[in-house]
Protein backbone atom coordinates (compact mmCIF):
# COMPACT_ATOMS: atom_id res chain seq x y z
CA MET A 1 -23.79 6.67 -12.03
CA LEU A 2 -20.34 6.05 -13.47
CA HIS A 3 -17.38 5.59 -11.21
CA LYS A 4 -13.75 5.42 -12.09
CA PRO A 5 -11.59 2.47 -11.10
CA LEU A 6 -9.36 2.83 -8.06
CA LEU A 7 -5.82 3.75 -9.03
CA VAL A 8 -3.51 1.44 -7.10
CA TYR A 9 0.25 1.91 -6.93
CA LEU A 10 2.28 -1.15 -6.05
CA ALA A 11 5.98 -0.80 -5.18
CA ASP A 12 7.93 -4.06 -4.91
CA ASP A 13 11.41 -4.93 -6.13
CA ASP A 14 10.70 -8.67 -6.25
CA GLU A 15 9.20 -9.44 -9.66
CA GLU A 16 7.58 -12.68 -8.49
CA ASP A 17 5.94 -11.04 -5.46
CA SER A 18 4.78 -8.16 -7.64
CA MET A 19 3.14 -10.54 -10.12
CA PHE A 20 1.52 -12.44 -7.23
CA PHE A 21 0.09 -9.19 -5.82
CA LYS A 22 -1.11 -7.97 -9.22
CA GLU A 23 -2.85 -11.28 -9.94
CA ALA A 24 -4.57 -11.16 -6.55
CA LEU A 25 -5.54 -7.50 -6.99
CA ASN A 26 -7.03 -8.27 -10.40
CA GLU A 27 -9.32 -10.86 -8.80
CA VAL A 28 -10.73 -8.70 -6.01
CA ASN A 29 -14.28 -7.44 -6.22
CA VAL A 30 -13.28 -3.81 -6.76
CA GLU A 31 -12.61 -2.20 -10.13
CA ILE A 32 -8.95 -1.12 -10.15
CA HIS A 33 -6.12 0.05 -12.33
CA ILE A 34 -2.64 -0.99 -11.13
CA GLU A 35 0.62 0.80 -11.76
CA ASP A 36 3.66 -1.00 -10.44
CA PHE A 37 7.15 0.17 -9.56
CA ASN A 38 10.24 -1.89 -8.83
CA ASN A 39 11.76 0.61 -6.41
CA GLY A 40 10.87 3.52 -4.20
CA VAL A 41 12.83 6.10 -6.21
CA THR A 42 10.74 5.53 -9.33
CA LEU A 43 7.57 5.56 -7.23
CA MET A 44 8.49 8.91 -5.69
CA ASP A 45 9.45 10.39 -9.07
CA THR A 46 6.04 9.44 -10.43
CA LEU A 47 4.18 10.74 -7.38
CA LEU A 48 5.94 14.10 -7.51
CA LYS A 49 5.21 14.75 -11.19
CA LYS A 50 2.34 17.22 -11.23
CA LYS A 51 0.82 15.83 -14.44
CA ASN A 52 0.23 12.35 -12.97
CA SER A 53 -2.99 11.42 -11.22
CA LEU A 54 -2.51 10.57 -7.57
CA PRO A 55 -3.29 7.00 -6.56
CA ASP A 56 -6.17 6.04 -4.31
CA VAL A 57 -3.85 3.73 -2.34
CA ILE A 58 -0.19 2.72 -2.31
CA TYR A 59 0.99 -0.77 -1.39
CA LEU A 60 4.64 -0.50 -0.34
CA ASP A 61 7.03 -3.39 0.13
CA LEU A 62 8.98 -2.70 3.30
CA ASN A 63 12.29 -4.08 2.00
CA MET A 64 13.38 -2.58 -1.32
CA PRO A 65 16.79 -1.43 -2.51
CA LEU A 66 17.52 2.24 -3.30
CA MET A 67 14.65 3.47 -1.15
CA ASN A 68 12.76 1.16 1.21
CA GLY A 69 9.11 1.32 2.22
CA GLU A 70 9.78 3.29 5.40
CA GLU A 71 11.78 5.92 3.49
CA CYS A 72 8.99 6.22 0.90
CA LEU A 73 6.44 6.58 3.68
CA ASP A 74 8.51 9.38 5.24
CA ASP A 75 8.74 11.24 1.92
CA ILE A 76 5.07 10.76 1.04
CA LYS A 77 3.83 11.98 4.42
CA THR A 78 6.03 15.11 4.30
CA GLU A 79 4.66 16.21 0.91
CA PRO A 80 1.39 18.11 1.48
CA GLN A 81 -0.12 17.02 -1.87
CA LEU A 82 0.65 13.34 -1.11
CA SER A 83 0.12 13.11 2.64
CA LYS A 84 -3.53 11.98 2.50
CA ILE A 85 -2.88 8.96 0.23
CA PRO A 86 -3.56 5.73 2.14
CA ILE A 87 -0.37 3.68 2.54
CA ILE A 88 -0.31 -0.05 3.19
CA ILE A 89 3.14 -1.37 4.05
CA TYR A 90 3.69 -5.06 3.53
CA SER A 91 6.36 -7.59 4.38
CA THR A 92 6.80 -11.32 4.88
CA TYR A 93 7.39 -10.84 8.59
CA VAL A 94 6.18 -8.56 11.34
CA ASP A 95 8.32 -6.67 13.79
CA ASP A 96 5.97 -5.09 16.34
CA SER A 97 8.32 -2.23 17.21
CA LEU A 98 8.88 -1.33 13.54
CA ALA A 99 5.17 -1.70 12.82
CA ASP A 100 4.43 0.72 15.64
CA ILE A 101 6.92 3.23 14.21
CA LEU A 102 5.33 2.93 10.75
CA ARG A 103 1.87 3.43 12.25
CA LYS A 104 3.02 6.57 14.04
CA LYS A 105 4.59 7.85 10.82
CA GLY A 106 1.21 7.63 9.08
CA ALA A 107 0.96 4.22 7.42
CA ASN A 108 -2.62 3.01 7.45
CA TRP A 109 -1.95 -0.73 7.66
CA TYR A 110 0.90 -3.21 7.89
CA LEU A 111 0.01 -6.28 5.87
CA VAL A 112 1.88 -9.51 6.53
CA LYS A 113 2.18 -11.37 3.22
CA PRO A 114 0.36 -14.68 3.50
CA ASN A 115 1.71 -17.80 1.85
CA SER A 116 -1.43 -18.55 -0.14
CA PHE A 117 -3.03 -16.77 -3.07
CA GLU A 118 -6.55 -16.98 -1.61
CA LYS A 119 -5.46 -15.47 1.71
CA LEU A 120 -3.65 -12.66 -0.09
CA LYS A 121 -6.69 -11.98 -2.26
CA ASN A 122 -8.91 -11.84 0.84
CA LEU A 123 -6.57 -9.41 2.63
CA LEU A 124 -6.34 -7.18 -0.43
CA GLN A 125 -10.12 -7.26 -0.87
CA LYS A 126 -10.56 -6.27 2.76
CA SER A 127 -8.07 -3.40 2.51
CA LEU A 128 -9.56 -2.04 -0.73
CA GLN A 129 -13.10 -2.19 0.66
CA TYR A 130 -11.91 -0.33 3.73
CA ILE A 131 -10.38 2.36 1.53
CA THR A 132 -13.45 2.72 -0.67
CA THR A 133 -15.88 2.98 2.25
CA LEU A 134 -13.96 5.41 4.44
CA ARG A 135 -13.46 8.88 3.08
CA ASP A 136 -11.48 10.17 6.03
CA LEU A 137 -8.99 7.35 6.35
CA LYS A 138 -6.95 7.73 9.49
CA SER A 139 -4.27 5.50 10.94
CA THR A 140 -5.61 3.07 13.47
CA THR A 141 -4.76 3.75 17.06
CA LEU A 142 -4.21 0.16 18.16
CA LEU A 143 -1.21 -1.83 16.97
CA GLU A 144 -3.35 -4.99 16.91
CA GLU A 145 -5.69 -3.38 14.37
CA PHE A 146 -2.80 -1.91 12.36
CA ILE A 147 -1.11 -5.25 11.64
CA ILE A 148 -3.11 -7.39 9.24
CA THR A 149 -2.44 -11.08 9.13
CA GLU A 150 -4.64 -13.84 7.86
């Protein structure tokens, strides 16, 4: 049985962080195709074009210029054709109150960027396996389960 690779969208304005994420994603044990965006506006333009395939998951940097991760999340969740796409917000820090707001707005996970490549690869592997095994992905109800750290 043939299966197509997961289509992963990655939105991050920091070129170094984006490369770090892409390298880690390319080493996970899931077949993927990555499309990256350096801002939320370009991401949203691509998502809203009818001819483009929708991604299986979107990794959104919380802090981007033009349109940040929270604003993208708001727009994605209000578009009926996009609202079911799993969204993983990530940042270098965690703010519990903001994480709770993002969870309530429909983000599936809040990933805290680790400082090592291996830890990042493990977190990405875990999140992609979760996405591939659950068809009806719903936001977690507990904040402790929503925030992913090492």
